[in-house]
Amino acid sequence: MSYQVLIDERVSEETAEIFDYYDAINPGLAYNFYEQLDLVYNQLEKNPNIWQIIEGDIRRALLKRFPYAVYYRVLDGQRILVMTIRHNAQNPESRFD
């Protein structure tokens, strides 16, 4: 069974900001960031329940090689909503604002 990954508009903006940051350092690094993010999205499509529940029904998927996490919730048996992407050092109190 494959889940549909829905991405909040805010996530697209956050992703673009992160990409721009890494692109300014090294374009190859920015590309690697997108690869890792795509890997997480592919894992979510296949089995969103493998990642840890951190609050209520919100789960966190960690990116490899990058200090970022994807926060999401499983809406039903077919859809997942990606709510935000945050740096792991960011204040956890503001992660879902």
PDB file of N, CA and C in Angstrom:
ATOM      1  N   MET A   1       0.834  -1.182   0.000  1.00  0.00           N
ATOM      2  CA  MET A   1       0.000   0.000   0.000  1.00  0.00           C
ATOM      3  C   MET A   1       0.876   1.242   0.000  1.00  0.00           C
ATOM      4  N   SER A   2       0.505   2.208  -0.793  1.00  0.00           N
ATOM      5  CA  SER A   2       1.274   3.437  -0.901  1.00  0.00           C
ATOM      6  C   SER A   2       0.446   4.612  -0.378  1.00  0.00           C
ATOM      7  N   TYR A   3       1.066   5.440   0.423  1.00  0.00           N
ATOM      8  CA  TYR A   3       0.411   6.623   0.965  1.00  0.00           C
ATOM      9  C   TYR A   3       0.669   7.822   0.056  1.00  0.00           C
ATOM     10  N   GLN A   4      -0.267   8.753   0.041  1.00  0.00           N
ATOM     11  CA  GLN A   4      -0.083  10.007  -0.685  1.00  0.00           C
ATOM     12  C   GLN A   4       0.503  11.024   0.287  1.00  0.00           C
ATOM     13  N   VAL A   5       1.628  11.622  -0.087  1.00  0.00           N
ATOM     14  CA  VAL A   5       2.276  12.615   0.757  1.00  0.00           C
ATOM     15  C   VAL A   5       1.821  14.002   0.329  1.00  0.00           C
ATOM     16  N   LEU A   6       1.114  14.690   1.222  1.00  0.00           N
ATOM     17  CA  LEU A   6       0.664  16.062   0.979  1.00  0.00           C
ATOM     18  C   LEU A   6       1.642  16.999   1.675  1.00  0.00           C
ATOM     19  N   ILE A   7       2.066  18.027   0.975  1.00  0.00           N
ATOM     20  CA  ILE A   7       3.071  18.933   1.521  1.00  0.00           C
ATOM     21  C   ILE A   7       2.461  20.315   1.690  1.00  0.00           C
ATOM     22  N   ASP A   8       2.448  20.792   2.922  1.00  0.00           N
ATOM     23  CA  ASP A   8       1.935  22.117   3.227  1.00  0.00           C
ATOM     24  C   ASP A   8       2.743  23.167   2.464  1.00  0.00           C
ATOM     25  N   GLU A   9       2.088  24.240   2.042  1.00  0.00           N
ATOM     26  CA  GLU A   9       2.762  25.304   1.288  1.00  0.00           C
ATOM     27  C   GLU A   9       3.956  25.871   2.063  1.00  0.00           C
ATOM     28  N   ARG A  10       3.812  25.962   3.359  1.00  0.00           N
ATOM     29  CA  ARG A  10       4.897  26.475   4.208  1.00  0.00           C
ATOM     30  C   ARG A  10       6.143  25.605   4.081  1.00  0.00           C
ATOM     31  N   VAL A  11       5.946  24.289   3.921  1.00  0.00           N
ATOM     32  CA  VAL A  11       7.066  23.361   3.783  1.00  0.00           C
ATOM     33  C   VAL A  11       7.852  23.653   2.506  1.00  0.00           C
ATOM     34  N   SER A  12       7.155  23.980   1.440  1.00  0.00           N
ATOM     35  CA  SER A  12       7.835  24.330   0.190  1.00  0.00           C
ATOM     36  C   SER A  12       8.719  25.561   0.373  1.00  0.00           C
ATOM     37  N   GLU A  13       8.223  26.538   1.111  1.00  0.00           N
ATOM     38  CA  GLU A  13       9.008  27.749   1.389  1.00  0.00           C
ATOM     39  C   GLU A  13      10.214  27.418   2.268  1.00  0.00           C
ATOM     40  N   GLU A  14      10.003  26.617   3.303  1.00  0.00           N
ATOM     41  CA  GLU A  14      11.099  26.221   4.188  1.00  0.00           C
ATOM     42  C   GLU A  14      12.168  25.449   3.418  1.00  0.00           C
ATOM     43  N   THR A  15      11.722  24.546   2.554  1.00  0.00           N
ATOM     44  CA  THR A  15      12.651  23.751   1.757  1.00  0.00           C
ATOM     45  C   THR A  15      13.483  24.637   0.846  1.00  0.00           C
ATOM     46  N   ALA A  16      12.856  25.615   0.225  1.00  0.00           N
ATOM     47  CA  ALA A  16      13.575  26.541  -0.659  1.00  0.00           C
ATOM     48  C   ALA A  16      14.613  27.344   0.120  1.00  0.00           C
ATOM     49  N   GLU A  17      14.281  27.770   1.323  1.00  0.00           N
ATOM     50  CA  GLU A  17      15.231  28.519   2.151  1.00  0.00           C
ATOM     51  C   GLU A  17      16.437  27.658   2.523  1.00  0.00           C
ATOM     52  N   ILE A  18      16.163  26.421   2.918  1.00  0.00           N
ATOM     53  CA  ILE A  18      17.251  25.507   3.283  1.00  0.00           C
ATOM     54  C   ILE A  18      18.124  25.223   2.065  1.00  0.00           C
ATOM     55  N   PHE A  19      17.487  24.970   0.934  1.00  0.00           N
ATOM     56  CA  PHE A  19      18.223  24.720  -0.307  1.00  0.00           C
ATOM     57  C   PHE A  19      19.125  25.908  -0.646  1.00  0.00           C
ATOM     58  N   ASP A  20      18.591  27.127  -0.566  1.00  0.00           N
ATOM     59  CA  ASP A  20      19.376  28.327  -0.871  1.00  0.00           C
ATOM     60  C   ASP A  20      20.575  28.463   0.065  1.00  0.00           C
ATOM     61  N   TYR A  21      20.365  28.133   1.332  1.00  0.00           N
ATOM     62  CA  TYR A  21      21.460  28.196   2.298  1.00  0.00           C
ATOM     63  C   TYR A  21      22.590  27.245   1.892  1.00  0.00           C
ATOM     64  N   TYR A  22      22.243  25.983   1.614  1.00  0.00           N
ATOM     65  CA  TYR A  22      23.266  25.012   1.238  1.00  0.00           C
ATOM     66  C   TYR A  22      23.851  25.308  -0.139  1.00  0.00           C
ATOM     67  N   ASP A  23      23.049  25.847  -1.038  1.00  0.00           N
ATOM     68  CA  ASP A  23      23.531  26.189  -2.374  1.00  0.00           C
ATOM     69  C   ASP A  23      24.590  27.285  -2.310  1.00  0.00           C
ATOM     70  N   ALA A  24      24.436  28.212  -1.373  1.00  0.00           N
ATOM     71  CA  ALA A  24      25.422  29.282  -1.204  1.00  0.00           C
ATOM     72  C   ALA A  24      26.751  28.731  -0.697  1.00  0.00           C
ATOM     73  N   ILE A  25      26.689  27.658   0.064  1.00  0.00           N
ATOM     74  CA  ILE A  25      27.901  27.013   0.569  1.00  0.00           C
ATOM     75  C   ILE A  25      28.536  26.165  -0.524  1.00  0.00           C
ATOM     76  N   ASN A  26      27.686  25.318  -1.142  1.00  0.00           N
ATOM     77  CA  ASN A  26      28.168  24.399  -2.170  1.00  0.00           C
ATOM     78  C   ASN A  26      26.947  23.827  -2.903  1.00  0.00           C
ATOM     79  N   PRO A  27      26.843  24.055  -4.204  1.00  0.00           N
ATOM     80  CA  PRO A  27      25.681  23.545  -4.947  1.00  0.00           C
ATOM     81  C   PRO A  27      25.491  22.035  -4.810  1.00  0.00           C
ATOM     82  N   GLY A  28      26.575  21.295  -4.709  1.00  0.00           N
ATOM     83  CA  GLY A  28      26.465  19.848  -4.536  1.00  0.00           C
ATOM     84  C   GLY A  28      25.817  19.484  -3.211  1.00  0.00           C
ATOM     85  N   LEU A  29      26.088  20.283  -2.192  1.00  0.00           N
ATOM     86  CA  LEU A  29      25.494  20.064  -0.875  1.00  0.00           C
ATOM     87  C   LEU A  29      23.984  20.288  -0.929  1.00  0.00           C
ATOM     88  N   ALA A  30      23.573  21.314  -1.648  1.00  0.00           N
ATOM     89  CA  ALA A  30      22.143  21.591  -1.810  1.00  0.00           C
ATOM     90  C   ALA A  30      21.453  20.425  -2.510  1.00  0.00           C
ATOM     91  N   TYR A  31      22.085  19.890  -3.533  1.00  0.00           N
ATOM     92  CA  TYR A  31      21.538  18.740  -4.252  1.00  0.00           C
ATOM     93  C   TYR A  31      21.422  17.529  -3.320  1.00  0.00           C
ATOM     94  N   ASN A  32      22.444  17.317  -2.495  1.00  0.00           N
ATOM     95  CA  ASN A  32      22.409  16.205  -1.531  1.00  0.00           C
ATOM     96  C   ASN A  32      21.272  16.373  -0.516  1.00  0.00           C
ATOM     97  N   PHE A  33      21.018  17.624  -0.129  1.00  0.00           N
ATOM     98  CA  PHE A  33      19.903  17.883   0.787  1.00  0.00           C
ATOM     99  C   PHE A  33      18.588  17.430   0.153  1.00  0.00           C
ATOM    100  N   TYR A  34      18.363  17.827  -1.100  1.00  0.00           N
ATOM    101  CA  TYR A  34      17.138  17.410  -1.796  1.00  0.00           C
ATOM    102  C   TYR A  34      17.054  15.890  -1.934  1.00  0.00           C
ATOM    103  N   GLU A  35      18.172  15.239  -2.181  1.00  0.00           N
ATOM    104  CA  GLU A  35      18.175  13.775  -2.272  1.00  0.00           C
ATOM    105  C   GLU A  35      17.727  13.138  -0.957  1.00  0.00           C
ATOM    106  N   GLN A  36      18.255  13.646   0.152  1.00  0.00           N
ATOM    107  CA  GLN A  36      17.897  13.105   1.464  1.00  0.00           C
ATOM    108  C   GLN A  36      16.433  13.368   1.797  1.00  0.00           C
ATOM    109  N   LEU A  37      15.957  14.546   1.434  1.00  0.00           N
ATOM    110  CA  LEU A  37      14.554  14.877   1.668  1.00  0.00           C
ATOM    111  C   LEU A  37      13.654  13.964   0.831  1.00  0.00           C
ATOM    112  N   ASP A  38      14.033  13.738  -0.407  1.00  0.00           N
ATOM    113  CA  ASP A  38      13.278  12.849  -1.282  1.00  0.00           C
ATOM    114  C   ASP A  38      13.261  11.425  -0.727  1.00  0.00           C
ATOM    115  N   LEU A  39      14.378  11.001  -0.170  1.00  0.00           N
ATOM    116  CA  LEU A  39      14.447   9.676   0.454  1.00  0.00           C
ATOM    117  C   LEU A  39      13.432   9.542   1.585  1.00  0.00           C
ATOM    118  N   VAL A  40      13.355  10.577   2.428  1.00  0.00           N
ATOM    119  CA  VAL A  40      12.392  10.560   3.534  1.00  0.00           C
ATOM    120  C   VAL A  40      10.972  10.515   2.987  1.00  0.00           C
ATOM    121  N   TYR A  41      10.667  11.327   1.977  1.00  0.00           N
ATOM    122  CA  TYR A  41       9.318  11.316   1.394  1.00  0.00           C
ATOM    123  C   TYR A  41       8.979   9.939   0.825  1.00  0.00           C
ATOM    124  N   ASN A  42       9.944   9.288   0.187  1.00  0.00           N
ATOM    125  CA  ASN A  42       9.709   7.941  -0.345  1.00  0.00           C
ATOM    126  C   ASN A  42       9.443   6.937   0.774  1.00  0.00           C
ATOM    127  N   GLN A  43      10.163   7.086   1.888  1.00  0.00           N
ATOM    128  CA  GLN A  43       9.928   6.208   3.036  1.00  0.00           C
ATOM    129  C   GLN A  43       8.536   6.436   3.623  1.00  0.00           C
ATOM    130  N   LEU A  44       8.110   7.704   3.661  1.00  0.00           N
ATOM    131  CA  LEU A  44       6.782   8.014   4.178  1.00  0.00           C
ATOM    132  C   LEU A  44       5.692   7.397   3.310  1.00  0.00           C
ATOM    133  N   GLU A  45       5.900   7.425   1.997  1.00  0.00           N
ATOM    134  CA  GLU A  45       4.922   6.824   1.082  1.00  0.00           C
ATOM    135  C   GLU A  45       4.746   5.333   1.357  1.00  0.00           C
ATOM    136  N   LYS A  46       5.826   4.674   1.695  1.00  0.00           N
ATOM    137  CA  LYS A  46       5.795   3.224   1.891  1.00  0.00           C
ATOM    138  C   LYS A  46       5.328   2.826   3.287  1.00  0.00           C
ATOM    139  N   ASN A  47       5.844   3.512   4.317  1.00  0.00           N
ATOM    140  CA  ASN A  47       5.507   3.144   5.684  1.00  0.00           C
ATOM    141  C   ASN A  47       5.713   4.336   6.628  1.00  0.00           C
ATOM    142  N   PRO A  48       4.696   5.170   6.765  1.00  0.00           N
ATOM    143  CA  PRO A  48       4.848   6.362   7.609  1.00  0.00           C
ATOM    144  C   PRO A  48       4.925   6.043   9.099  1.00  0.00           C
ATOM    145  N   ASN A  49       4.576   4.837   9.486  1.00  0.00           N
ATOM    146  CA  ASN A  49       4.552   4.495  10.906  1.00  0.00           C
ATOM    147  C   ASN A  49       5.907   4.065  11.461  1.00  0.00           C
ATOM    148  N   ILE A  50       6.949   4.070  10.639  1.00  0.00           N
ATOM    149  CA  ILE A  50       8.267   3.657  11.146  1.00  0.00           C
ATOM    150  C   ILE A  50       8.926   4.743  11.992  1.00  0.00           C
ATOM    151  N   TRP A  51       8.468   5.979  11.851  1.00  0.00           N
ATOM    152  CA  TRP A  51       9.099   7.077  12.578  1.00  0.00           C
ATOM    153  C   TRP A  51       8.397   7.317  13.903  1.00  0.00           C
ATOM    154  N   GLN A  52       9.143   7.885  14.819  1.00  0.00           N
ATOM    155  CA  GLN A  52       8.723   8.094  16.194  1.00  0.00           C
ATOM    156  C   GLN A  52       7.582   9.115  16.313  1.00  0.00           C
ATOM    157  N   ILE A  53       6.605   8.804  17.151  1.00  0.00           N
ATOM    158  CA  ILE A  53       5.575   9.775  17.535  1.00  0.00           C
ATOM    159  C   ILE A  53       6.201  10.672  18.587  1.00  0.00           C
ATOM    160  N   ILE A  54       6.089  11.983  18.389  1.00  0.00           N
ATOM    161  CA  ILE A  54       6.723  12.890  19.350  1.00  0.00           C
ATOM    162  C   ILE A  54       5.731  13.705  20.155  1.00  0.00           C
ATOM    163  N   GLU A  55       4.504  13.859  19.619  1.00  0.00           N
ATOM    164  CA  GLU A  55       3.492  14.629  20.334  1.00  0.00           C
ATOM    165  C   GLU A  55       2.132  14.345  19.709  1.00  0.00           C
ATOM    166  N   GLY A  56       1.200  13.821  20.479  1.00  0.00           N
ATOM    167  CA  GLY A  56      -0.120  13.507  19.936  1.00  0.00           C
ATOM    168  C   GLY A  56       0.004  12.529  18.773  1.00  0.00           C
ATOM    169  N   ASP A  57      -0.422  12.966  17.596  1.00  0.00           N
ATOM    170  CA  ASP A  57      -0.304  12.123  16.402  1.00  0.00           C
ATOM    171  C   ASP A  57       0.780  12.614  15.449  1.00  0.00           C
ATOM    172  N   ILE A  58       1.627  13.496  15.930  1.00  0.00           N
ATOM    173  CA  ILE A  58       2.700  14.068  15.110  1.00  0.00           C
ATOM    174  C   ILE A  58       3.944  13.194  15.200  1.00  0.00           C
ATOM    175  N   ARG A  59       4.496  12.896  14.047  1.00  0.00           N
ATOM    176  CA  ARG A  59       5.709  12.076  13.959  1.00  0.00           C
ATOM    177  C   ARG A  59       6.865  12.909  13.412  1.00  0.00           C
ATOM    178  N   ARG A  60       8.072  12.406  13.654  1.00  0.00           N
ATOM    179  CA  ARG A  60       9.274  13.098  13.194  1.00  0.00           C
ATOM    180  C   ARG A  60      10.164  12.126  12.444  1.00  0.00           C
ATOM    181  N   ALA A  61      10.505  12.520  11.205  1.00  0.00           N
ATOM    182  CA  ALA A  61      11.441  11.740  10.390  1.00  0.00           C
ATOM    183  C   ALA A  61      12.731  12.541  10.260  1.00  0.00           C
ATOM    184  N   LEU A  62      13.841  11.924  10.596  1.00  0.00           N
ATOM    185  CA  LEU A  62      15.137  12.607  10.566  1.00  0.00           C
ATOM    186  C   LEU A  62      15.824  12.402   9.221  1.00  0.00           C
ATOM    187  N   LEU A  63      16.430  13.478   8.718  1.00  0.00           N
ATOM    188  CA  LEU A  63      17.223  13.380   7.500  1.00  0.00           C
ATOM    189  C   LEU A  63      18.616  12.897   7.856  1.00  0.00           C
ATOM    190  N   LYS A  64      19.184  12.060   7.020  1.00  0.00           N
ATOM    191  CA  LYS A  64      20.563  11.628   7.206  1.00  0.00           C
ATOM    192  C   LYS A  64      21.483  12.716   6.670  1.00  0.00           C
ATOM    193  N   ARG A  65      22.612  12.902   7.339  1.00  0.00           N
ATOM    194  CA  ARG A  65      23.653  13.834   6.934  1.00  0.00           C
ATOM    195  C   ARG A  65      23.288  15.302   7.099  1.00  0.00           C
ATOM    196  N   PHE A  66      22.058  15.610   7.455  1.00  0.00           N
ATOM    197  CA  PHE A  66      21.630  17.002   7.621  1.00  0.00           C
ATOM    198  C   PHE A  66      20.876  17.128   8.938  1.00  0.00           C
ATOM    199  N   PRO A  67      21.070  18.251   9.642  1.00  0.00           N
ATOM    200  CA  PRO A  67      20.446  18.406  10.961  1.00  0.00           C
ATOM    201  C   PRO A  67      18.998  18.902  10.874  1.00  0.00           C
ATOM    202  N   TYR A  68      18.185  18.223  10.069  1.00  0.00           N
ATOM    203  CA  TYR A  68      16.796  18.614   9.879  1.00  0.00           C
ATOM    204  C   TYR A  68      15.872  17.437  10.108  1.00  0.00           C
ATOM    205  N   ALA A  69      14.635  17.764  10.474  1.00  0.00           N
ATOM    206  CA  ALA A  69      13.604  16.751  10.677  1.00  0.00           C
ATOM    207  C   ALA A  69      12.336  17.181   9.942  1.00  0.00           C
ATOM    208  N   VAL A  70      11.622  16.186   9.449  1.00  0.00           N
ATOM    209  CA  VAL A  70      10.338  16.395   8.795  1.00  0.00           C
ATOM    210  C   VAL A  70       9.259  16.013   9.804  1.00  0.00           C
ATOM    211  N   TYR A  71       8.367  16.949  10.102  1.00  0.00           N
ATOM    212  CA  TYR A  71       7.268  16.704  11.032  1.00  0.00           C
ATOM    213  C   TYR A  71       5.998  16.491  10.223  1.00  0.00           C
ATOM    214  N   TYR A  72       5.285  15.411  10.548  1.00  0.00           N
ATOM    215  CA  TYR A  72       4.116  15.049   9.747  1.00  0.00           C
ATOM    216  C   TYR A  72       3.098  14.307  10.592  1.00  0.00           C
ATOM    217  N   ARG A  73       1.914  14.163  10.036  1.00  0.00           N
ATOM    218  CA  ARG A  73       0.889  13.328  10.666  1.00  0.00           C
ATOM    219  C   ARG A  73       0.213  12.485   9.607  1.00  0.00           C
ATOM    220  N   VAL A  74      -0.169  11.295  10.006  1.00  0.00           N
ATOM    221  CA  VAL A  74      -0.916  10.391   9.138  1.00  0.00           C
ATOM    222  C   VAL A  74      -2.386  10.789   9.279  1.00  0.00           C
ATOM    223  N   LEU A  75      -2.989  11.241   8.176  1.00  0.00           N
ATOM    224  CA  LEU A  75      -4.367  11.733   8.217  1.00  0.00           C
ATOM    225  C   LEU A  75      -5.378  10.602   8.225  1.00  0.00           C
ATOM    226  N   ASP A  76      -5.128   9.592   7.441  1.00  0.00           N
ATOM    227  CA  ASP A  76      -5.995   8.426   7.371  1.00  0.00           C
ATOM    228  C   ASP A  76      -5.167   7.289   6.790  1.00  0.00           C
ATOM    229  N   GLY A  77      -5.773   6.246   6.330  1.00  0.00           N
ATOM    230  CA  GLY A  77      -5.035   5.101   5.816  1.00  0.00           C
ATOM    231  C   GLY A  77      -4.387   5.327   4.467  1.00  0.00           C
ATOM    232  N   GLN A  78      -4.519   6.534   3.896  1.00  0.00           N
ATOM    233  CA  GLN A  78      -3.998   6.767   2.557  1.00  0.00           C
ATOM    234  C   GLN A  78      -3.196   8.051   2.396  1.00  0.00           C
ATOM    235  N   ARG A  79      -3.301   8.983   3.368  1.00  0.00           N
ATOM    236  CA  ARG A  79      -2.673  10.289   3.194  1.00  0.00           C
ATOM    237  C   ARG A  79      -1.823  10.688   4.399  1.00  0.00           C
ATOM    238  N   ILE A  80      -0.771  11.433   4.083  1.00  0.00           N
ATOM    239  CA  ILE A  80       0.143  11.967   5.094  1.00  0.00           C
ATOM    240  C   ILE A  80       0.270  13.456   4.834  1.00  0.00           C
ATOM    241  N   LEU A  81       0.243  14.256   5.897  1.00  0.00           N
ATOM    242  CA  LEU A  81       0.457  15.698   5.760  1.00  0.00           C
ATOM    243  C   LEU A  81       1.809  16.056   6.356  1.00  0.00           C
ATOM    244  N   VAL A  82       2.711  16.554   5.506  1.00  0.00           N
ATOM    245  CA  VAL A  82       3.996  17.071   5.982  1.00  0.00           C
ATOM    246  C   VAL A  82       3.732  18.502   6.433  1.00  0.00           C
ATOM    247  N   MET A  83       3.949  18.756   7.728  1.00  0.00           N
ATOM    248  CA  MET A  83       3.590  20.036   8.334  1.00  0.00           C
ATOM    249  C   MET A  83       4.716  21.049   8.326  1.00  0.00           C
ATOM    250  N   THR A  84       5.935  20.574   8.566  1.00  0.00           N
ATOM    251  CA  THR A  84       7.067  21.491   8.631  1.00  0.00           C
ATOM    252  C   THR A  84       8.371  20.718   8.532  1.00  0.00           C
ATOM    253  N   ILE A  85       9.416  21.431   8.165  1.00  0.00           N
ATOM    254  CA  ILE A  85      10.789  20.917   8.215  1.00  0.00           C
ATOM    255  C   ILE A  85      11.553  21.879   9.105  1.00  0.00           C
ATOM    256  N   ARG A  86      12.181  21.342  10.122  1.00  0.00           N
ATOM    257  CA  ARG A  86      12.881  22.208  11.077  1.00  0.00           C
ATOM    258  C   ARG A  86      14.295  21.713  11.346  1.00  0.00           C
ATOM    259  N   HIS A  87      15.165  22.667  11.625  1.00  0.00           N
ATOM    260  CA  HIS A  87      16.515  22.361  12.076  1.00  0.00           C
ATOM    261  C   HIS A  87      16.404  21.729  13.453  1.00  0.00           C
ATOM    262  N   ASN A  88      17.193  20.726  13.721  1.00  0.00           N
ATOM    263  CA  ASN A  88      17.102  19.998  14.992  1.00  0.00           C
ATOM    264  C   ASN A  88      17.447  20.855  16.204  1.00  0.00           C
ATOM    265  N   ALA A  89      18.184  21.951  16.011  1.00  0.00           N
ATOM    266  CA  ALA A  89      18.544  22.810  17.131  1.00  0.00           C
ATOM    267  C   ALA A  89      17.504  23.903  17.372  1.00  0.00           C
ATOM    268  N   GLN A  90      16.477  23.957  16.539  1.00  0.00           N
ATOM    269  CA  GLN A  90      15.447  24.978  16.691  1.00  0.00           C
ATOM    270  C   GLN A  90      14.629  24.726  17.947  1.00  0.00           C
ATOM    271  N   ASN A  91      14.103  25.783  18.521  1.00  0.00           N
ATOM    272  CA  ASN A  91      13.311  25.704  19.731  1.00  0.00           C
ATOM    273  C   ASN A  91      12.113  24.765  19.513  1.00  0.00           C
ATOM    274  N   PRO A  92      12.045  23.661  20.243  1.00  0.00           N
ATOM    275  CA  PRO A  92      10.939  22.724  20.041  1.00  0.00           C
ATOM    276  C   PRO A  92       9.573  23.304  20.369  1.00  0.00           C
ATOM    277  N   GLU A  93       9.515  24.321  21.219  1.00  0.00           N
ATOM    278  CA  GLU A  93       8.243  24.938  21.578  1.00  0.00           C
ATOM    279  C   GLU A  93       7.580  25.597  20.373  1.00  0.00           C
ATOM    280  N   SER A  94       8.370  26.040  19.392  1.00  0.00           N
ATOM    281  CA  SER A  94       7.816  26.756  18.242  1.00  0.00           C
ATOM    282  C   SER A  94       7.733  25.890  16.997  1.00  0.00           C
ATOM    283  N   ARG A  95       7.935  24.592  17.099  1.00  0.00           N
ATOM    284  CA  ARG A  95       8.061  23.764  15.925  1.00  0.00           C
ATOM    285  C   ARG A  95       6.778  23.641  15.098  1.00  0.00           C
ATOM    286  N   PHE A  96       5.598  23.862  15.696  1.00  0.00           N
ATOM    287  CA  PHE A  96       4.370  23.700  14.938  1.00  0.00           C
ATOM    288  C   PHE A  96       3.593  25.003  14.795  1.00  0.00           C
ATOM    289  N   ASP A  97       4.224  26.113  15.069  1.00  0.00           N
ATOM    290  CA  ASP A  97       3.557  27.422  14.928  1.00  0.00           C
ATOM    291  C   ASP A  97       3.442  27.802  13.472  1.00  0.00           C
TER     292      ASP A  97
END
